[in-house]
PDB file of all heavy atoms in Angstrom:
ATOM      1  N   ARG A   1    -154.107  80.105  28.470  1.00  0.00           N
ATOM      2  CA  ARG A   1    -155.456  79.553  28.619  1.00  0.00           C
ATOM      3  C   ARG A   1    -155.486  78.281  29.473  1.00  0.00           C
ATOM      4  O   ARG A   1    -156.545  77.685  29.652  1.00  0.00           O
ATOM      5  CB  ARG A   1    -156.049  79.232  27.241  1.00  0.00           C
ATOM      6  CG  ARG A   1    -155.969  80.380  26.232  1.00  0.00           C
ATOM      7  CD  ARG A   1    -156.815  81.558  26.621  1.00  0.00           C
ATOM      8  NE  ARG A   1    -158.233  81.294  26.530  1.00  0.00           N
ATOM      9  CZ  ARG A   1    -158.927  81.356  25.374  1.00  0.00           C
ATOM     10  NH1 ARG A   1    -158.318  81.664  24.240  1.00  0.00           N
ATOM     11  NH2 ARG A   1    -160.226  81.129  25.383  1.00  0.00           N
ATOM     12  N   ILE A   2    -154.335  77.872  30.005  1.00  0.00           N
ATOM     13  CA  ILE A   2    -154.237  76.621  30.755  1.00  0.00           C
ATOM     14  C   ILE A   2    -153.846  76.921  32.198  1.00  0.00           C
ATOM     15  O   ILE A   2    -152.934  77.715  32.459  1.00  0.00           O
ATOM     16  CB  ILE A   2    -153.201  75.668  30.130  1.00  0.00           C
ATOM     17  CG1 ILE A   2    -153.518  75.407  28.654  1.00  0.00           C
ATOM     18  CG2 ILE A   2    -153.138  74.349  30.897  1.00  0.00           C
ATOM     19  CD1 ILE A   2    -152.432  74.644  27.922  1.00  0.00           C
ATOM     20  N   LEU A   3    -154.525  76.286  33.141  1.00  0.00           N
ATOM     21  CA  LEU A   3    -154.206  76.431  34.558  1.00  0.00           C
ATOM     22  C   LEU A   3    -153.741  75.080  35.106  1.00  0.00           C
ATOM     23  O   LEU A   3    -154.377  74.054  34.845  1.00  0.00           O
ATOM     24  CB  LEU A   3    -155.431  76.876  35.354  1.00  0.00           C
ATOM     25  CG  LEU A   3    -156.170  78.132  34.868  1.00  0.00           C
ATOM     26  CD1 LEU A   3    -157.404  78.363  35.717  1.00  0.00           C
ATOM     27  CD2 LEU A   3    -155.268  79.349  34.903  1.00  0.00           C
ATOM     28  N   PHE A   4    -152.662  75.088  35.879  1.00  0.00           N
ATOM     29  CA  PHE A   4    -152.270  73.850  36.538  1.00  0.00           C
ATOM     30  C   PHE A   4    -153.308  73.502  37.598  1.00  0.00           C
ATOM     31  O   PHE A   4    -153.720  74.330  38.402  1.00  0.00           O
ATOM     32  CB  PHE A   4    -150.901  73.972  37.210  1.00  0.00           C
ATOM     33  CG  PHE A   4    -150.591  72.791  38.081  1.00  0.00           C
ATOM     34  CD1 PHE A   4    -150.352  71.554  37.507  1.00  0.00           C
ATOM     35  CD2 PHE A   4    -150.595  72.906  39.463  1.00  0.00           C
ATOM     36  CE1 PHE A   4    -150.105  70.435  38.306  1.00  0.00           C
ATOM     37  CE2 PHE A   4    -150.349  71.802  40.270  1.00  0.00           C
ATOM     38  CZ  PHE A   4    -150.099  70.571  39.682  1.00  0.00           C
ATOM     39  N   GLY A   5    -153.727  72.272  37.587  1.00  0.00           N
ATOM     40  CA  GLY A   5    -154.667  71.781  38.591  1.00  0.00           C
ATOM     41  C   GLY A   5    -154.701  70.266  38.534  1.00  0.00           C
ATOM     42  O   GLY A   5    -154.443  69.661  37.483  1.00  0.00           O
ATOM     43  N   SER A   6    -155.024  69.655  39.643  1.00  0.00           N
ATOM     44  CA  SER A   6    -155.084  68.195  39.709  1.00  0.00           C
ATOM     45  C   SER A   6    -156.506  67.674  39.785  1.00  0.00           C
ATOM     46  O   SER A   6    -156.776  66.538  39.443  1.00  0.00           O
ATOM     47  CB  SER A   6    -154.309  67.698  40.938  1.00  0.00           C
ATOM     48  OG  SER A   6    -154.911  68.185  42.136  1.00  0.00           O
ATOM     49  N   ASP A   7    -157.429  68.513  40.260  1.00  0.00           N
ATOM     50  CA  ASP A   7    -158.785  68.077  40.610  1.00  0.00           C
ATOM     51  C   ASP A   7    -158.723  66.988  41.674  1.00  0.00           C
ATOM     52  O   ASP A   7    -159.561  66.087  41.714  1.00  0.00           O
ATOM     53  CB  ASP A   7    -159.570  67.614  39.386  1.00  0.00           C
ATOM     54  CG  ASP A   7    -161.009  68.141  39.400  1.00  0.00           C
ATOM     55  OD1 ASP A   7    -161.233  69.212  39.960  1.00  0.00           O
ATOM     56  OD2 ASP A   7    -161.894  67.471  38.861  1.00  0.00           O
ATOM     57  N   PHE A   8    -157.715  67.080  42.551  1.00  0.00           N
ATOM     58  CA  PHE A   8    -157.599  66.173  43.679  1.00  0.00           C
ATOM     59  C   PHE A   8    -158.889  66.200  44.492  1.00  0.00           C
ATOM     60  O   PHE A   8    -159.440  67.261  44.741  1.00  0.00           O
ATOM     61  CB  PHE A   8    -156.411  66.619  44.551  1.00  0.00           C
ATOM     62  CG  PHE A   8    -156.259  65.834  45.822  1.00  0.00           C
ATOM     63  CD1 PHE A   8    -155.481  64.703  45.848  1.00  0.00           C
ATOM     64  CD2 PHE A   8    -156.883  66.246  46.999  1.00  0.00           C
ATOM     65  CE1 PHE A   8    -155.337  63.978  47.024  1.00  0.00           C
ATOM     66  CE2 PHE A   8    -156.748  65.527  48.171  1.00  0.00           C
ATOM     67  CZ  PHE A   8    -155.970  64.391  48.188  1.00  0.00           C
ATOM     68  N   PRO A   9    -159.470  65.061  44.878  1.00  0.00           N
ATOM     69  CA  PRO A   9    -158.879  63.714  44.873  1.00  0.00           C
ATOM     70  C   PRO A   9    -159.191  62.876  43.637  1.00  0.00           C
ATOM     71  O   PRO A   9    -158.865  61.682  43.638  1.00  0.00           O
ATOM     72  CB  PRO A   9    -159.514  63.095  46.110  1.00  0.00           C
ATOM     73  CG  PRO A   9    -160.885  63.685  46.147  1.00  0.00           C
ATOM     74  CD  PRO A   9    -160.720  65.102  45.669  1.00  0.00           C
ATOM     75  N   SER A  10    -159.843  63.434  42.613  1.00  0.00           N
ATOM     76  CA  SER A  10    -160.077  62.634  41.412  1.00  0.00           C
ATOM     77  C   SER A  10    -158.768  62.150  40.809  1.00  0.00           C
ATOM     78  O   SER A  10    -158.682  61.056  40.244  1.00  0.00           O
ATOM     79  CB  SER A  10    -160.851  63.452  40.377  1.00  0.00           C
ATOM     80  OG  SER A  10    -162.155  63.726  40.823  1.00  0.00           O
ATOM     81  N   ASN A  11    -157.728  62.972  40.902  1.00  0.00           N
ATOM     82  CA  ASN A  11    -156.392  62.607  40.458  1.00  0.00           C
ATOM     83  C   ASN A  11    -155.414  62.866  41.592  1.00  0.00           C
ATOM     84  O   ASN A  11    -155.586  63.816  42.362  1.00  0.00           O
ATOM     85  CB  ASN A  11    -155.963  63.441  39.241  1.00  0.00           C
ATOM     86  CG  ASN A  11    -156.901  63.314  38.071  1.00  0.00           C
ATOM     87  OD1 ASN A  11    -157.177  62.227  37.598  1.00  0.00           O
ATOM     88  ND2 ASN A  11    -157.411  64.445  37.581  1.00  0.00           N
ATOM     89  N   ASN A  12    -154.378  62.061  41.684  1.00  0.00           N
ATOM     90  CA  ASN A  12    -153.260  62.408  42.551  1.00  0.00           C
ATOM     91  C   ASN A  12    -152.524  63.601  41.950  1.00  0.00           C
ATOM     92  O   ASN A  12    -152.428  63.726  40.728  1.00  0.00           O
ATOM     93  CB  ASN A  12    -152.312  61.220  42.710  1.00  0.00           C
ATOM     94  CG  ASN A  12    -152.904  60.131  43.587  1.00  0.00           C
ATOM     95  OD1 ASN A  12    -153.537  60.426  44.598  1.00  0.00           O
ATOM     96  ND2 ASN A  12    -152.711  58.884  43.200  1.00  0.00           N
ATOM     97  N   ILE A  13    -151.990  64.463  42.771  1.00  0.00           N
ATOM     98  CA  ILE A  13    -151.391  65.700  42.289  1.00  0.00           C
ATOM     99  C   ILE A  13    -150.142  65.441  41.451  1.00  0.00           C
ATOM    100  O   ILE A  13    -149.855  66.155  40.490  1.00  0.00           O
ATOM    101  CB  ILE A  13    -151.070  66.637  43.472  1.00  0.00           C
ATOM    102  CG1 ILE A  13    -152.375  67.057  44.168  1.00  0.00           C
ATOM    103  CG2 ILE A  13    -150.309  67.877  43.008  1.00  0.00           C
ATOM    104  CD1 ILE A  13    -152.183  67.858  45.435  1.00  0.00           C
ATOM    105  N   GLY A  14    -149.396  64.399  41.783  1.00  0.00           N
ATOM    106  CA  GLY A  14    -148.135  64.151  41.090  1.00  0.00           C
ATOM    107  C   GLY A  14    -148.278  63.893  39.603  1.00  0.00           C
ATOM    108  O   GLY A  14    -147.407  64.277  38.815  1.00  0.00           O
ATOM    109  N   GLY A  15    -149.364  63.237  39.185  1.00  0.00           N
ATOM    110  CA  GLY A  15    -149.545  62.934  37.761  1.00  0.00           C
ATOM    111  C   GLY A  15    -149.673  64.181  36.909  1.00  0.00           C
ATOM    112  O   GLY A  15    -148.913  64.364  35.941  1.00  0.00           O
ATOM    113  N   PRO A  16    -150.625  65.080  37.189  1.00  0.00           N
ATOM    114  CA  PRO A  16    -150.727  66.325  36.429  1.00  0.00           C
ATOM    115  C   PRO A  16    -149.459  67.171  36.505  1.00  0.00           C
ATOM    116  O   PRO A  16    -149.095  67.837  35.524  1.00  0.00           O
ATOM    117  CB  PRO A  16    -151.918  67.035  37.089  1.00  0.00           C
ATOM    118  CG  PRO A  16    -152.759  65.926  37.625  1.00  0.00           C
ATOM    119  CD  PRO A  16    -151.777  64.893  38.100  1.00  0.00           C
ATOM    120  N   LEU A  17    -148.789  67.156  37.659  1.00  0.00           N
ATOM    121  CA  LEU A  17    -147.543  67.909  37.793  1.00  0.00           C
ATOM    122  C   LEU A  17    -146.493  67.388  36.825  1.00  0.00           C
ATOM    123  O   LEU A  17    -145.839  68.157  36.099  1.00  0.00           O
ATOM    124  CB  LEU A  17    -147.047  67.811  39.239  1.00  0.00           C
ATOM    125  CG  LEU A  17    -145.765  68.562  39.597  1.00  0.00           C
ATOM    126  CD1 LEU A  17    -145.946  70.058  39.423  1.00  0.00           C
ATOM    127  CD2 LEU A  17    -145.355  68.235  41.039  1.00  0.00           C
ATOM    128  N   ALA A  18    -146.335  66.063  36.774  1.00  0.00           N
ATOM    129  CA  ALA A  18    -145.364  65.460  35.861  1.00  0.00           C
ATOM    130  C   ALA A  18    -145.734  65.713  34.401  1.00  0.00           C
ATOM    131  O   ALA A  18    -144.855  65.890  33.548  1.00  0.00           O
ATOM    132  CB  ALA A  18    -145.266  63.957  36.137  1.00  0.00           C
ATOM    133  N   THR A  19    -147.045  65.748  34.113  1.00  0.00           N
ATOM    134  CA  THR A  19    -147.493  65.987  32.743  1.00  0.00           C
ATOM    135  C   THR A  19    -147.045  67.362  32.258  1.00  0.00           C
ATOM    136  O   THR A  19    -146.571  67.521  31.129  1.00  0.00           O
ATOM    137  CB  THR A  19    -149.025  65.870  32.655  1.00  0.00           C
ATOM    138  OG1 THR A  19    -149.407  64.528  32.964  1.00  0.00           O
ATOM    139  CG2 THR A  19    -149.516  66.218  31.256  1.00  0.00           C
ATOM    140  N   VAL A  20    -147.186  68.380  33.108  1.00  0.00           N
ATOM    141  CA  VAL A  20    -146.770  69.730  32.705  1.00  0.00           C
ATOM    142  C   VAL A  20    -145.256  69.802  32.560  1.00  0.00           C
ATOM    143  O   VAL A  20    -144.734  70.316  31.560  1.00  0.00           O
ATOM    144  CB  VAL A  20    -147.266  70.780  33.726  1.00  0.00           C
ATOM    145  CG1 VAL A  20    -146.777  72.178  33.318  1.00  0.00           C
ATOM    146  CG2 VAL A  20    -148.784  70.772  33.810  1.00  0.00           C
ATOM    147  N   ILE A  21    -144.540  69.284  33.542  1.00  0.00           N
ATOM    148  CA  ILE A  21    -143.075  69.359  33.511  1.00  0.00           C
ATOM    149  C   ILE A  21    -142.516  68.629  32.295  1.00  0.00           C
ATOM    150  O   ILE A  21    -141.554  69.089  31.662  1.00  0.00           O
ATOM    151  CB  ILE A  21    -142.491  68.785  34.815  1.00  0.00           C
ATOM    152  CG1 ILE A  21    -142.874  69.676  36.001  1.00  0.00           C
ATOM    153  CG2 ILE A  21    -140.975  68.647  34.715  1.00  0.00           C
ATOM    154  CD1 ILE A  21    -142.503  69.101  37.349  1.00  0.00           C
ATOM    155  N   GLY A  22    -143.131  67.496  31.939  1.00  0.00           N
ATOM    156  CA  GLY A  22    -142.625  66.710  30.817  1.00  0.00           C
ATOM    157  C   GLY A  22    -143.298  66.967  29.489  1.00  0.00           C
ATOM    158  O   GLY A  22    -143.142  66.185  28.549  1.00  0.00           O
ATOM    159  N   SER A  23    -144.034  68.065  29.372  1.00  0.00           N
ATOM    160  CA  SER A  23    -144.827  68.322  28.167  1.00  0.00           C
ATOM    161  C   SER A  23    -144.011  68.808  26.972  1.00  0.00           C
ATOM    162  O   SER A  23    -144.510  68.807  25.842  1.00  0.00           O
ATOM    163  CB  SER A  23    -145.904  69.360  28.481  1.00  0.00           C
ATOM    164  OG  SER A  23    -145.309  70.609  28.843  1.00  0.00           O
ATOM    165  N   GLY A  24    -142.781  69.259  27.220  1.00  0.00           N
ATOM    166  CA  GLY A  24    -141.956  69.756  26.115  1.00  0.00           C
ATOM    167  C   GLY A  24    -142.174  71.213  25.784  1.00  0.00           C
ATOM    168  O   GLY A  24    -141.648  71.702  24.776  1.00  0.00           O
ATOM    169  N   ILE A  25    -142.919  71.942  26.615  1.00  0.00           N
ATOM    170  CA  ILE A  25    -143.110  73.371  26.385  1.00  0.00           C
ATOM    171  C   ILE A  25    -142.010  74.155  27.102  1.00  0.00           C
ATOM    172  O   ILE A  25    -141.304  73.626  27.961  1.00  0.00           O
ATOM    173  CB  ILE A  25    -144.500  73.842  26.861  1.00  0.00           C
ATOM    174  CG1 ILE A  25    -144.671  73.618  28.365  1.00  0.00           C
ATOM    175  CG2 ILE A  25    -145.590  73.091  26.089  1.00  0.00           C
ATOM    176  CD1 ILE A  25    -145.985  74.134  28.925  1.00  0.00           C
ATOM    177  N   GLY A  26    -141.864  75.439  26.768  1.00  0.00           N
ATOM    178  CA  GLY A  26    -140.812  76.264  27.336  1.00  0.00           C
ATOM    179  C   GLY A  26    -141.079  76.654  28.778  1.00  0.00           C
ATOM    180  O   GLY A  26    -142.195  76.544  29.285  1.00  0.00           O
ATOM    181  N   GLN A  27    -140.025  77.149  29.434  1.00  0.00           N
ATOM    182  CA  GLN A  27    -140.136  77.525  30.837  1.00  0.00           C
ATOM    183  C   GLN A  27    -141.106  78.685  31.056  1.00  0.00           C
ATOM    184  O   GLN A  27    -141.808  78.725  32.074  1.00  0.00           O
ATOM    185  CB  GLN A  27    -138.755  77.894  31.387  1.00  0.00           C
ATOM    186  CG  GLN A  27    -137.842  76.694  31.609  1.00  0.00           C
ATOM    187  CD  GLN A  27    -138.408  75.721  32.627  1.00  0.00           C
ATOM    188  OE1 GLN A  27    -138.644  76.081  33.779  1.00  0.00           O
ATOM    189  NE2 GLN A  27    -138.619  74.477  32.216  1.00  0.00           N
ATOM    190  N   ALA A  28    -141.181  79.616  30.128  1.00  0.00           N
ATOM    191  CA  ALA A  28    -142.127  80.725  30.276  1.00  0.00           C
ATOM    192  C   ALA A  28    -143.561  80.216  30.243  1.00  0.00           C
ATOM    193  O   ALA A  28    -144.416  80.689  31.007  1.00  0.00           O
ATOM    194  CB  ALA A  28    -141.899  81.764  29.179  1.00  0.00           C
TER     195      ALA A  28
END
């Protein structure tokens, strides 16, 4: 139910990217 997105330019892309990578969820 979750899609990766930044809503750039409201957010820089790197922040949301780091949030997903560091969220503690599995690779799948």
